[in-house]
ModelCIF file with pLDDT and N, C-alpha, C, O atoms, coordinates in Angstrom:
data_MODEL
#
_entry.id   MODEL 
#
_entity.id                         1 
_entity.type                       polymer 
_entity.pdbx_number_of_molecules   1 
#
_entity_poly.entity_id                      1 
_entity_poly.type                           'polypeptide(L)' 
_entity_poly.nstd_linkage                   no 
_entity_poly.nstd_monomer                   no 
_entity_poly.pdbx_seq_one_letter_code       SVRPVPSSSVVLATTLYYGAELKAQKQEYQSVRVLLTQAFEQLAVVK 
_entity_poly.pdbx_seq_one_letter_code_can   SVRPVPSSSVVLATTLYYGAELKAQKQEYQSVRVLLTQAFEQLAVVK 
_entity_poly.pdbx_strand_id                 A 
#
loop_
_entity_poly_seq.entity_id 
_entity_poly_seq.num 
_entity_poly_seq.mon_id 
_entity_poly_seq.hetero 
1 1  SER n 
1 2  VAL n 
1 3  ARG n 
1 4  PRO n 
1 5  VAL n 
1 6  PRO n 
1 7  SER n 
1 8  SER n 
1 9  SER n 
1 10 VAL n 
1 11 VAL n 
1 12 LEU n 
1 13 ALA n 
1 14 THR n 
1 15 THR n 
1 16 LEU n 
1 17 TYR n 
1 18 TYR n 
1 19 GLY n 
1 20 ALA n 
1 21 GLU n 
1 22 LEU n 
1 23 LYS n 
1 24 ALA n 
1 25 GLN n 
1 26 LYS n 
1 27 GLN n 
1 28 GLU n 
1 29 TYR n 
1 30 GLN n 
1 31 SER n 
1 32 VAL n 
1 33 ARG n 
1 34 VAL n 
1 35 LEU n 
1 36 LEU n 
1 37 THR n 
1 38 GLN n 
1 39 ALA n 
1 40 PHE n 
1 41 GLU n 
1 42 GLN n 
1 43 LEU n 
1 44 ALA n 
1 45 VAL n 
1 46 VAL n 
1 47 LYS n 
#
_struct_asym.id          A 
_struct_asym.entity_id   1 
#
loop_
_ma_qa_metric.id 
_ma_qa_metric.mode 
_ma_qa_metric.name 
_ma_qa_metric.software_group_id 
_ma_qa_metric.type 
1 global pLDDT . pLDDT 
2 local  pLDDT . pLDDT 
#
_ma_qa_metric_global.metric_id      1 
_ma_qa_metric_global.metric_value   93.06 
_ma_qa_metric_global.model_id       1 
_ma_qa_metric_global.ordinal_id     1 
#
loop_
_ma_qa_metric_local.label_asym_id 
_ma_qa_metric_local.label_comp_id 
_ma_qa_metric_local.label_seq_id 
_ma_qa_metric_local.metric_id 
_ma_qa_metric_local.metric_value 
_ma_qa_metric_local.model_id 
_ma_qa_metric_local.ordinal_id 
A SER 1  2 86.00 1 1  
A VAL 2  2 89.00 1 2  
A ARG 3  2 88.00 1 3  
A PRO 4  2 85.00 1 4  
A VAL 5  2 88.00 1 5  
A PRO 6  2 88.00 1 6  
A SER 7  2 90.00 1 7  
A SER 8  2 90.00 1 8  
A SER 9  2 93.00 1 9  
A VAL 10 2 93.00 1 10 
A VAL 11 2 93.00 1 11 
A LEU 12 2 94.00 1 12 
A ALA 13 2 95.00 1 13 
A THR 14 2 95.00 1 14 
A THR 15 2 95.00 1 15 
A LEU 16 2 96.00 1 16 
A TYR 17 2 96.00 1 17 
A TYR 18 2 95.00 1 18 
A GLY 19 2 95.00 1 19 
A ALA 20 2 95.00 1 20 
A GLU 21 2 95.00 1 21 
A LEU 22 2 94.00 1 22 
A LYS 23 2 94.00 1 23 
A ALA 24 2 94.00 1 24 
A GLN 25 2 94.00 1 25 
A LYS 26 2 95.00 1 26 
A GLN 27 2 95.00 1 27 
A GLU 28 2 95.00 1 28 
A TYR 29 2 93.00 1 29 
A GLN 30 2 94.00 1 30 
A SER 31 2 95.00 1 31 
A VAL 32 2 95.00 1 32 
A ARG 33 2 94.00 1 33 
A VAL 34 2 95.00 1 34 
A LEU 35 2 96.00 1 35 
A LEU 36 2 95.00 1 36 
A THR 37 2 94.00 1 37 
A GLN 38 2 95.00 1 38 
A ALA 39 2 95.00 1 39 
A PHE 40 2 93.00 1 40 
A GLU 41 2 93.00 1 41 
A GLN 42 2 93.00 1 42 
A LEU 43 2 93.00 1 43 
A ALA 44 2 91.00 1 44 
A VAL 45 2 91.00 1 45 
A VAL 46 2 92.00 1 46 
A LYS 47 2 92.00 1 47 
#
loop_
_atom_site.group_PDB 
_atom_site.id 
_atom_site.type_symbol 
_atom_site.label_atom_id 
_atom_site.label_alt_id 
_atom_site.label_comp_id 
_atom_site.label_asym_id 
_atom_site.label_entity_id 
_atom_site.label_seq_id 
_atom_site.pdbx_PDB_ins_code 
_atom_site.Cartn_x 
_atom_site.Cartn_y 
_atom_site.Cartn_z 
_atom_site.occupancy 
_atom_site.B_iso_or_equiv 
_atom_site.pdbx_formal_charge 
_atom_site.auth_seq_id 
_atom_site.auth_comp_id 
_atom_site.auth_asym_id 
_atom_site.auth_atom_id 
_atom_site.pdbx_PDB_model_num 
ATOM 1   N N  . SER A 1 1  ? 6.317   1.585   -12.089 1.00 86.00 ? 1  SER A N  1 
ATOM 2   C CA . SER A 1 1  ? 7.156   2.732   -12.439 1.00 86.00 ? 1  SER A CA 1 
ATOM 3   C C  . SER A 1 1  ? 7.550   2.720   -13.920 1.00 86.00 ? 1  SER A C  1 
ATOM 4   O O  . SER A 1 1  ? 7.655   3.776   -14.544 1.00 86.00 ? 1  SER A O  1 
ATOM 5   N N  . VAL A 1 2  ? 7.768   1.530   -14.476 1.00 89.00 ? 2  VAL A N  1 
ATOM 6   C CA . VAL A 1 2  ? 8.149   1.418   -15.887 1.00 89.00 ? 2  VAL A CA 1 
ATOM 7   C C  . VAL A 1 2  ? 6.946   1.628   -16.799 1.00 89.00 ? 2  VAL A C  1 
ATOM 8   O O  . VAL A 1 2  ? 7.050   2.228   -17.869 1.00 89.00 ? 2  VAL A O  1 
ATOM 9   N N  . ARG A 1 3  ? 5.822   1.126   -16.355 1.00 88.00 ? 3  ARG A N  1 
ATOM 10  C CA . ARG A 1 3  ? 4.603   1.198   -17.170 1.00 88.00 ? 3  ARG A CA 1 
ATOM 11  C C  . ARG A 1 3  ? 3.453   1.727   -16.315 1.00 88.00 ? 3  ARG A C  1 
ATOM 12  O O  . ARG A 1 3  ? 2.602   0.950   -15.881 1.00 88.00 ? 3  ARG A O  1 
ATOM 13  N N  . PRO A 1 4  ? 3.416   3.023   -16.069 1.00 85.00 ? 4  PRO A N  1 
ATOM 14  C CA . PRO A 1 4  ? 2.395   3.595   -15.188 1.00 85.00 ? 4  PRO A CA 1 
ATOM 15  C C  . PRO A 1 4  ? 1.017   3.704   -15.851 1.00 85.00 ? 4  PRO A C  1 
ATOM 16  O O  . PRO A 1 4  ? 0.601   4.783   -16.273 1.00 85.00 ? 4  PRO A O  1 
ATOM 17  N N  . VAL A 1 5  ? 0.334   2.590   -15.932 1.00 88.00 ? 5  VAL A N  1 
ATOM 18  C CA . VAL A 1 5  ? -1.017  2.532   -16.478 1.00 88.00 ? 5  VAL A CA 1 
ATOM 19  C C  . VAL A 1 5  ? -1.941  1.991   -15.383 1.00 88.00 ? 5  VAL A C  1 
ATOM 20  O O  . VAL A 1 5  ? -1.459  1.442   -14.392 1.00 88.00 ? 5  VAL A O  1 
ATOM 21  N N  . PRO A 1 6  ? -3.247  2.136   -15.543 1.00 88.00 ? 6  PRO A N  1 
ATOM 22  C CA . PRO A 1 6  ? -4.159  1.668   -14.502 1.00 88.00 ? 6  PRO A CA 1 
ATOM 23  C C  . PRO A 1 6  ? -3.958  0.203   -14.096 1.00 88.00 ? 6  PRO A C  1 
ATOM 24  O O  . PRO A 1 6  ? -4.042  -0.130  -12.913 1.00 88.00 ? 6  PRO A O  1 
ATOM 25  N N  . SER A 1 7  ? -3.698  -0.659  -15.059 1.00 90.00 ? 7  SER A N  1 
ATOM 26  C CA . SER A 1 7  ? -3.555  -2.074  -14.700 1.00 90.00 ? 7  SER A CA 1 
ATOM 27  C C  . SER A 1 7  ? -2.338  -2.327  -13.811 1.00 90.00 ? 7  SER A C  1 
ATOM 28  O O  . SER A 1 7  ? -2.385  -3.197  -12.942 1.00 90.00 ? 7  SER A O  1 
ATOM 29  N N  . SER A 1 8  ? -1.258  -1.586  -14.011 1.00 90.00 ? 8  SER A N  1 
ATOM 30  C CA . SER A 1 8  ? -0.096  -1.781  -13.146 1.00 90.00 ? 8  SER A CA 1 
ATOM 31  C C  . SER A 1 8  ? -0.350  -1.216  -11.749 1.00 90.00 ? 8  SER A C  1 
ATOM 32  O O  . SER A 1 8  ? 0.204   -1.720  -10.772 1.00 90.00 ? 8  SER A O  1 
ATOM 33  N N  . SER A 1 9  ? -1.176  -0.180  -11.642 1.00 93.00 ? 9  SER A N  1 
ATOM 34  C CA . SER A 1 9  ? -1.571  0.328   -10.320 1.00 93.00 ? 9  SER A CA 1 
ATOM 35  C C  . SER A 1 9  ? -2.405  -0.706  -9.580  1.00 93.00 ? 9  SER A C  1 
ATOM 36  O O  . SER A 1 9  ? -2.263  -0.875  -8.369  1.00 93.00 ? 9  SER A O  1 
ATOM 37  N N  . VAL A 1 10 ? -3.278  -1.400  -10.310 1.00 93.00 ? 10 VAL A N  1 
ATOM 38  C CA . VAL A 1 10 ? -4.101  -2.444  -9.694  1.00 93.00 ? 10 VAL A CA 1 
ATOM 39  C C  . VAL A 1 10 ? -3.227  -3.623  -9.251  1.00 93.00 ? 10 VAL A C  1 
ATOM 40  O O  . VAL A 1 10 ? -3.440  -4.185  -8.177  1.00 93.00 ? 10 VAL A O  1 
ATOM 41  N N  . VAL A 1 11 ? -2.249  -3.993  -10.076 1.00 93.00 ? 11 VAL A N  1 
ATOM 42  C CA . VAL A 1 11 ? -1.327  -5.067  -9.695  1.00 93.00 ? 11 VAL A CA 1 
ATOM 43  C C  . VAL A 1 11 ? -0.583  -4.695  -8.420  1.00 93.00 ? 11 VAL A C  1 
ATOM 44  O O  . VAL A 1 11 ? -0.452  -5.521  -7.517  1.00 93.00 ? 11 VAL A O  1 
ATOM 45  N N  . LEU A 1 12 ? -0.097  -3.465  -8.339  1.00 94.00 ? 12 LEU A N  1 
ATOM 46  C CA . LEU A 1 12 ? 0.621   -3.016  -7.145  1.00 94.00 ? 12 LEU A CA 1 
ATOM 47  C C  . LEU A 1 12 ? -0.310  -2.976  -5.936  1.00 94.00 ? 12 LEU A C  1 
ATOM 48  O O  . LEU A 1 12 ? 0.073   -3.415  -4.851  1.00 94.00 ? 12 LEU A O  1 
ATOM 49  N N  . ALA A 1 13 ? -1.518  -2.460  -6.105  1.00 95.00 ? 13 ALA A N  1 
ATOM 50  C CA . ALA A 1 13 ? -2.477  -2.403  -4.994  1.00 95.00 ? 13 ALA A CA 1 
ATOM 51  C C  . ALA A 1 13 ? -2.814  -3.803  -4.491  1.00 95.00 ? 13 ALA A C  1 
ATOM 52  O O  . ALA A 1 13 ? -2.902  -4.026  -3.283  1.00 95.00 ? 13 ALA A O  1 
ATOM 53  N N  . THR A 1 14 ? -3.001  -4.733  -5.401  1.00 95.00 ? 14 THR A N  1 
ATOM 54  C CA . THR A 1 14 ? -3.316  -6.112  -5.011  1.00 95.00 ? 14 THR A CA 1 
ATOM 55  C C  . THR A 1 14 ? -2.143  -6.745  -4.276  1.00 95.00 ? 14 THR A C  1 
ATOM 56  O O  . THR A 1 14 ? -2.335  -7.451  -3.287  1.00 95.00 ? 14 THR A O  1 
ATOM 57  N N  . THR A 1 15 ? -0.944  -6.497  -4.752  1.00 95.00 ? 15 THR A N  1 
ATOM 58  C CA . THR A 1 15 ? 0.250   -7.022  -4.083  1.00 95.00 ? 15 THR A CA 1 
ATOM 59  C C  . THR A 1 15 ? 0.378   -6.436  -2.674  1.00 95.00 ? 15 THR A C  1 
ATOM 60  O O  . THR A 1 15 ? 0.679   -7.158  -1.724  1.00 95.00 ? 15 THR A O  1 
ATOM 61  N N  . LEU A 1 16 ? 0.152   -5.144  -2.545  1.00 96.00 ? 16 LEU A N  1 
ATOM 62  C CA . LEU A 1 16 ? 0.194   -4.508  -1.230  1.00 96.00 ? 16 LEU A CA 1 
ATOM 63  C C  . LEU A 1 16 ? -0.875  -5.086  -0.309  1.00 96.00 ? 16 LEU A C  1 
ATOM 64  O O  . LEU A 1 16 ? -0.630  -5.283  0.881   1.00 96.00 ? 16 LEU A O  1 
ATOM 65  N N  . TYR A 1 17 ? -2.048  -5.357  -0.851  1.00 96.00 ? 17 TYR A N  1 
ATOM 66  C CA . TYR A 1 17 ? -3.118  -5.953  -0.049  1.00 96.00 ? 17 TYR A CA 1 
ATOM 67  C C  . TYR A 1 17 ? -2.701  -7.332  0.475   1.00 96.00 ? 17 TYR A C  1 
ATOM 68  O O  . TYR A 1 17 ? -2.888  -7.631  1.655   1.00 96.00 ? 17 TYR A O  1 
ATOM 69  N N  . TYR A 1 18 ? -2.144  -8.158  -0.390  1.00 95.00 ? 18 TYR A N  1 
ATOM 70  C CA . TYR A 1 18 ? -1.726  -9.485  0.061   1.00 95.00 ? 18 TYR A CA 1 
ATOM 71  C C  . TYR A 1 18 ? -0.600  -9.397  1.089   1.00 95.00 ? 18 TYR A C  1 
ATOM 72  O O  . TYR A 1 18 ? -0.538  -10.207 2.015   1.00 95.00 ? 18 TYR A O  1 
ATOM 73  N N  . GLY A 1 19 ? 0.276   -8.431  0.931   1.00 95.00 ? 19 GLY A N  1 
ATOM 74  C CA . GLY A 1 19 ? 1.301   -8.208  1.947   1.00 95.00 ? 19 GLY A CA 1 
ATOM 75  C C  . GLY A 1 19 ? 0.693   -7.813  3.278   1.00 95.00 ? 19 GLY A C  1 
ATOM 76  O O  . GLY A 1 19 ? 1.155   -8.243  4.334   1.00 95.00 ? 19 GLY A O  1 
ATOM 77  N N  . ALA A 1 20 ? -0.343  -6.993  3.222   1.00 95.00 ? 20 ALA A N  1 
ATOM 78  C CA . ALA A 1 20 ? -1.047  -6.596  4.444   1.00 95.00 ? 20 ALA A CA 1 
ATOM 79  C C  . ALA A 1 20 ? -1.709  -7.803  5.111   1.00 95.00 ? 20 ALA A C  1 
ATOM 80  O O  . ALA A 1 20 ? -1.719  -7.917  6.336   1.00 95.00 ? 20 ALA A O  1 
ATOM 81  N N  . GLU A 1 21 ? -2.255  -8.690  4.301   1.00 95.00 ? 21 GLU A N  1 
ATOM 82  C CA . GLU A 1 21 ? -2.843  -9.915  4.858   1.00 95.00 ? 21 GLU A CA 1 
ATOM 83  C C  . GLU A 1 21 ? -1.784  -10.740 5.597   1.00 95.00 ? 21 GLU A C  1 
ATOM 84  O O  . GLU A 1 21 ? -2.041  -11.268 6.679   1.00 95.00 ? 21 GLU A O  1 
ATOM 85  N N  . LEU A 1 22 ? -0.604  -10.842 5.008   1.00 94.00 ? 22 LEU A N  1 
ATOM 86  C CA . LEU A 1 22 ? 0.495   -11.573 5.664   1.00 94.00 ? 22 LEU A CA 1 
ATOM 87  C C  . LEU A 1 22 ? 0.880   -10.907 6.978   1.00 94.00 ? 22 LEU A C  1 
ATOM 88  O O  . LEU A 1 22 ? 1.097   -11.588 7.980   1.00 94.00 ? 22 LEU A O  1 
ATOM 89  N N  . LYS A 1 23 ? 0.966   -9.592  6.980   1.00 94.00 ? 23 LYS A N  1 
ATOM 90  C CA . LYS A 1 23 ? 1.294   -8.859  8.210   1.00 94.00 ? 23 LYS A CA 1 
ATOM 91  C C  . LYS A 1 23 ? 0.192   -9.008  9.255   1.00 94.00 ? 23 LYS A C  1 
ATOM 92  O O  . LYS A 1 23 ? 0.475   -9.087  10.450  1.00 94.00 ? 23 LYS A O  1 
ATOM 93  N N  . ALA A 1 24 ? -1.066  -9.047  8.808   1.00 94.00 ? 24 ALA A N  1 
ATOM 94  C CA . ALA A 1 24 ? -2.179  -9.206  9.748   1.00 94.00 ? 24 ALA A CA 1 
ATOM 95  C C  . ALA A 1 24 ? -2.113  -10.565 10.441  1.00 94.00 ? 24 ALA A C  1 
ATOM 96  O O  . ALA A 1 24 ? -2.449  -10.676 11.620  1.00 94.00 ? 24 ALA A O  1 
ATOM 97  N N  . GLN A 1 25 ? -1.686  -11.586 9.723   1.00 94.00 ? 25 GLN A N  1 
ATOM 98  C CA . GLN A 1 25 ? -1.539  -12.901 10.340  1.00 94.00 ? 25 GLN A CA 1 
ATOM 99  C C  . GLN A 1 25 ? -0.491  -12.884 11.443  1.00 94.00 ? 25 GLN A C  1 
ATOM 100 O O  . GLN A 1 25 ? -0.560  -13.669 12.388  1.00 94.00 ? 25 GLN A O  1 
ATOM 101 N N  . LYS A 1 26 ? 0.479   -11.984 11.317  1.00 95.00 ? 26 LYS A N  1 
ATOM 102 C CA . LYS A 1 26 ? 1.522   -11.846 12.336  1.00 95.00 ? 26 LYS A CA 1 
ATOM 103 C C  . LYS A 1 26 ? 1.157   -10.777 13.373  1.00 95.00 ? 26 LYS A C  1 
ATOM 104 O O  . LYS A 1 26 ? 1.944   -10.478 14.271  1.00 95.00 ? 26 LYS A O  1 
ATOM 105 N N  . GLN A 1 27 ? -0.036  -10.210 13.238  1.00 95.00 ? 27 GLN A N  1 
ATOM 106 C CA . GLN A 1 27 ? -0.545  -9.162  14.111  1.00 95.00 ? 27 GLN A CA 1 
ATOM 107 C C  . GLN A 1 27 ? 0.331   -7.907  14.099  1.00 95.00 ? 27 GLN A C  1 
ATOM 108 O O  . GLN A 1 27 ? 0.498   -7.251  15.128  1.00 95.00 ? 27 GLN A O  1 
ATOM 109 N N  . GLU A 1 28 ? 0.878   -7.584  12.952  1.00 95.00 ? 28 GLU A N  1 
ATOM 110 C CA . GLU A 1 28 ? 1.684   -6.380  12.766  1.00 95.00 ? 28 GLU A CA 1 
ATOM 111 C C  . GLU A 1 28 ? 0.791   -5.314  12.126  1.00 95.00 ? 28 GLU A C  1 
ATOM 112 O O  . GLU A 1 28 ? 0.945   -4.978  10.951  1.00 95.00 ? 28 GLU A O  1 
ATOM 113 N N  . TYR A 1 29 ? -0.146  -4.789  12.927  1.00 93.00 ? 29 TYR A N  1 
ATOM 114 C CA . TYR A 1 29 ? -1.204  -3.954  12.376  1.00 93.00 ? 29 TYR A CA 1 
ATOM 115 C C  . TYR A 1 29 ? -0.753  -2.570  11.926  1.00 93.00 ? 29 TYR A C  1 
ATOM 116 O O  . TYR A 1 29 ? -1.396  -1.972  11.064  1.00 93.00 ? 29 TYR A O  1 
ATOM 117 N N  . GLN A 1 30 ? 0.326   -2.050  12.484  1.00 94.00 ? 30 GLN A N  1 
ATOM 118 C CA . GLN A 1 30 ? 0.828   -0.767  11.981  1.00 94.00 ? 30 GLN A CA 1 
ATOM 119 C C  . GLN A 1 30 ? 1.346   -0.949  10.552  1.00 94.00 ? 30 GLN A C  1 
ATOM 120 O O  . GLN A 1 30 ? 1.123   -0.094  9.695   1.00 94.00 ? 30 GLN A O  1 
ATOM 121 N N  . SER A 1 31 ? 2.034   -2.059  10.301  1.00 95.00 ? 31 SER A N  1 
ATOM 122 C CA . SER A 1 31 ? 2.502   -2.359  8.939   1.00 95.00 ? 31 SER A CA 1 
ATOM 123 C C  . SER A 1 31 ? 1.325   -2.610  8.013   1.00 95.00 ? 31 SER A C  1 
ATOM 124 O O  . SER A 1 31 ? 1.355   -2.220  6.846   1.00 95.00 ? 31 SER A O  1 
ATOM 125 N N  . VAL A 1 32 ? 0.292   -3.259  8.529   1.00 95.00 ? 32 VAL A N  1 
ATOM 126 C CA . VAL A 1 32 ? -0.928  -3.494  7.742   1.00 95.00 ? 32 VAL A CA 1 
ATOM 127 C C  . VAL A 1 32 ? -1.499  -2.162  7.283   1.00 95.00 ? 32 VAL A C  1 
ATOM 128 O O  . VAL A 1 32 ? -1.851  -1.991  6.117   1.00 95.00 ? 32 VAL A O  1 
ATOM 129 N N  . ARG A 1 33 ? -1.583  -1.239  8.202   1.00 94.00 ? 33 ARG A N  1 
ATOM 130 C CA . ARG A 1 33 ? -2.145  0.081   7.899   1.00 94.00 ? 33 ARG A CA 1 
ATOM 131 C C  . ARG A 1 33 ? -1.328  0.802   6.829   1.00 94.00 ? 33 ARG A C  1 
ATOM 132 O O  . ARG A 1 33 ? -1.891  1.404   5.915   1.00 94.00 ? 33 ARG A O  1 
ATOM 133 N N  . VAL A 1 34 ? -0.016  0.741   6.943   1.00 95.00 ? 34 VAL A N  1 
ATOM 134 C CA . VAL A 1 34 ? 0.859   1.405   5.971   1.00 95.00 ? 34 VAL A CA 1 
ATOM 135 C C  . VAL A 1 34 ? 0.678   0.794   4.578   1.00 95.00 ? 34 VAL A C  1 
ATOM 136 O O  . VAL A 1 34 ? 0.507   1.516   3.596   1.00 95.00 ? 34 VAL A O  1 
ATOM 137 N N  . LEU A 1 35 ? 0.718   -0.533  4.501   1.00 96.00 ? 35 LEU A N  1 
ATOM 138 C CA . LEU A 1 35 ? 0.576   -1.206  3.209   1.00 96.00 ? 35 LEU A CA 1 
ATOM 139 C C  . LEU A 1 35 ? -0.780  -0.920  2.572   1.00 96.00 ? 35 LEU A C  1 
ATOM 140 O O  . LEU A 1 35 ? -0.867  -0.674  1.369   1.00 96.00 ? 35 LEU A O  1 
ATOM 141 N N  . LEU A 1 36 ? -1.830  -0.953  3.380   1.00 95.00 ? 36 LEU A N  1 
ATOM 142 C CA . LEU A 1 36 ? -3.170  -0.734  2.830   1.00 95.00 ? 36 LEU A CA 1 
ATOM 143 C C  . LEU A 1 36 ? -3.399  0.723   2.429   1.00 95.00 ? 36 LEU A C  1 
ATOM 144 O O  . LEU A 1 36 ? -4.130  1.000   1.479   1.00 95.00 ? 36 LEU A O  1 
ATOM 145 N N  . THR A 1 37 ? -2.781  1.638   3.144   1.00 94.00 ? 37 THR A N  1 
ATOM 146 C CA . THR A 1 37 ? -2.877  3.047   2.750   1.00 94.00 ? 37 THR A CA 1 
ATOM 147 C C  . THR A 1 37 ? -2.218  3.241   1.387   1.00 94.00 ? 37 THR A C  1 
ATOM 148 O O  . THR A 1 37 ? -2.735  3.969   0.539   1.00 94.00 ? 37 THR A O  1 
ATOM 149 N N  . GLN A 1 38 ? -1.077  2.589   1.180   1.00 95.00 ? 38 GLN A N  1 
ATOM 150 C CA . GLN A 1 38 ? -0.420  2.645   -0.126  1.00 95.00 ? 38 GLN A CA 1 
ATOM 151 C C  . GLN A 1 38 ? -1.286  1.990   -1.198  1.00 95.00 ? 38 GLN A C  1 
ATOM 152 O O  . GLN A 1 38 ? -1.374  2.493   -2.318  1.00 95.00 ? 38 GLN A O  1 
ATOM 153 N N  . ALA A 1 39 ? -1.922  0.874   -0.861  1.00 95.00 ? 39 ALA A N  1 
ATOM 154 C CA . ALA A 1 39 ? -2.801  0.193   -1.820  1.00 95.00 ? 39 ALA A CA 1 
ATOM 155 C C  . ALA A 1 39 ? -3.975  1.100   -2.196  1.00 95.00 ? 39 ALA A C  1 
ATOM 156 O O  . ALA A 1 39 ? -4.331  1.212   -3.369  1.00 95.00 ? 39 ALA A O  1 
ATOM 157 N N  . PHE A 1 40 ? -4.565  1.740   -1.201  1.00 93.00 ? 40 PHE A N  1 
ATOM 158 C CA . PHE A 1 40 ? -5.695  2.631   -1.452  1.00 93.00 ? 40 PHE A CA 1 
ATOM 159 C C  . PHE A 1 40 ? -5.268  3.798   -2.350  1.00 93.00 ? 40 PHE A C  1 
ATOM 160 O O  . PHE A 1 40 ? -6.010  4.200   -3.246  1.00 93.00 ? 40 PHE A O  1 
ATOM 161 N N  . GLU A 1 41 ? -4.075  4.334   -2.106  1.00 93.00 ? 41 GLU A N  1 
ATOM 162 C CA . GLU A 1 41 ? -3.568  5.431   -2.944  1.00 93.00 ? 41 GLU A CA 1 
ATOM 163 C C  . GLU A 1 41 ? -3.398  4.980   -4.393  1.00 93.00 ? 41 GLU A C  1 
ATOM 164 O O  . GLU A 1 41 ? -3.664  5.752   -5.315  1.00 93.00 ? 41 GLU A O  1 
ATOM 165 N N  . GLN A 1 42 ? -2.961  3.751   -4.601  1.00 93.00 ? 42 GLN A N  1 
ATOM 166 C CA . GLN A 1 42 ? -2.829  3.221   -5.964  1.00 93.00 ? 42 GLN A CA 1 
ATOM 167 C C  . GLN A 1 42 ? -4.195  3.076   -6.628  1.00 93.00 ? 42 GLN A C  1 
ATOM 168 O O  . GLN A 1 42 ? -4.356  3.398   -7.805  1.00 93.00 ? 42 GLN A O  1 
ATOM 169 N N  . LEU A 1 43 ? -5.166  2.598   -5.879  1.00 93.00 ? 43 LEU A N  1 
ATOM 170 C CA . LEU A 1 43 ? -6.511  2.421   -6.442  1.00 93.00 ? 43 LEU A CA 1 
ATOM 171 C C  . LEU A 1 43 ? -7.185  3.761   -6.711  1.00 93.00 ? 43 LEU A C  1 
ATOM 172 O O  . LEU A 1 43 ? -8.022  3.870   -7.607  1.00 93.00 ? 43 LEU A O  1 
ATOM 173 N N  . ALA A 1 44 ? -6.823  4.772   -5.941  1.00 91.00 ? 44 ALA A N  1 
ATOM 174 C CA . ALA A 1 44 ? -7.439  6.093   -6.100  1.00 91.00 ? 44 ALA A CA 1 
ATOM 175 C C  . ALA A 1 44 ? -7.096  6.740   -7.445  1.00 91.00 ? 44 ALA A C  1 
ATOM 176 O O  . ALA A 1 44 ? -7.839  7.596   -7.927  1.00 91.00 ? 44 ALA A O  1 
ATOM 177 N N  . VAL A 1 45 ? -5.983  6.338   -8.049  1.00 91.00 ? 45 VAL A N  1 
ATOM 178 C CA . VAL A 1 45 ? -5.615  6.930   -9.336  1.00 91.00 ? 45 VAL A CA 1 
ATOM 179 C C  . VAL A 1 45 ? -6.234  6.185   -10.516 1.00 91.00 ? 45 VAL A C  1 
ATOM 180 O O  . VAL A 1 45 ? -6.104  6.614   -11.663 1.00 91.00 ? 45 VAL A O  1 
ATOM 181 N N  . VAL A 1 46 ? -6.902  5.080   -10.238 1.00 92.00 ? 46 VAL A N  1 
ATOM 182 C CA . VAL A 1 46 ? -7.540  4.285   -11.290 1.00 92.00 ? 46 VAL A CA 1 
ATOM 183 C C  . VAL A 1 46 ? -8.976  4.762   -11.448 1.00 92.00 ? 46 VAL A C  1 
ATOM 184 O O  . VAL A 1 46 ? -9.703  4.890   -10.462 1.00 92.00 ? 46 VAL A O  1 
ATOM 185 N N  . LYS A 1 47 ? -9.382  5.023   -12.673 1.00 92.00 ? 47 LYS A N  1 
ATOM 186 C CA . LYS A 1 47 ? -10.729 5.550   -12.925 1.00 92.00 ? 47 LYS A CA 1 
ATOM 187 C C  . LYS A 1 47 ? -11.815 4.605   -12.414 1.00 92.00 ? 47 LYS A C  1 
ATOM 188 O O  . LYS A 1 47 ? -13.003 4.900   -12.548 1.00 92.00 ? 47 LYS A O  1 
#
C-alpha cells in the first residue's frame, strides 16, 4: 500500500501463497482458496 510497485505485489503474492501452504497443512481449504485468489489477483497486476 505504501509502495505500490510490481515488486511489492510479488512480495504480497508470495506471502499469501506461503500462508495458503500453512492453511493447507491444517486442511483449511476454504482459507487456502481465499488466500490464493488474493495472491493471483496481486500477480495479475504485474506485467
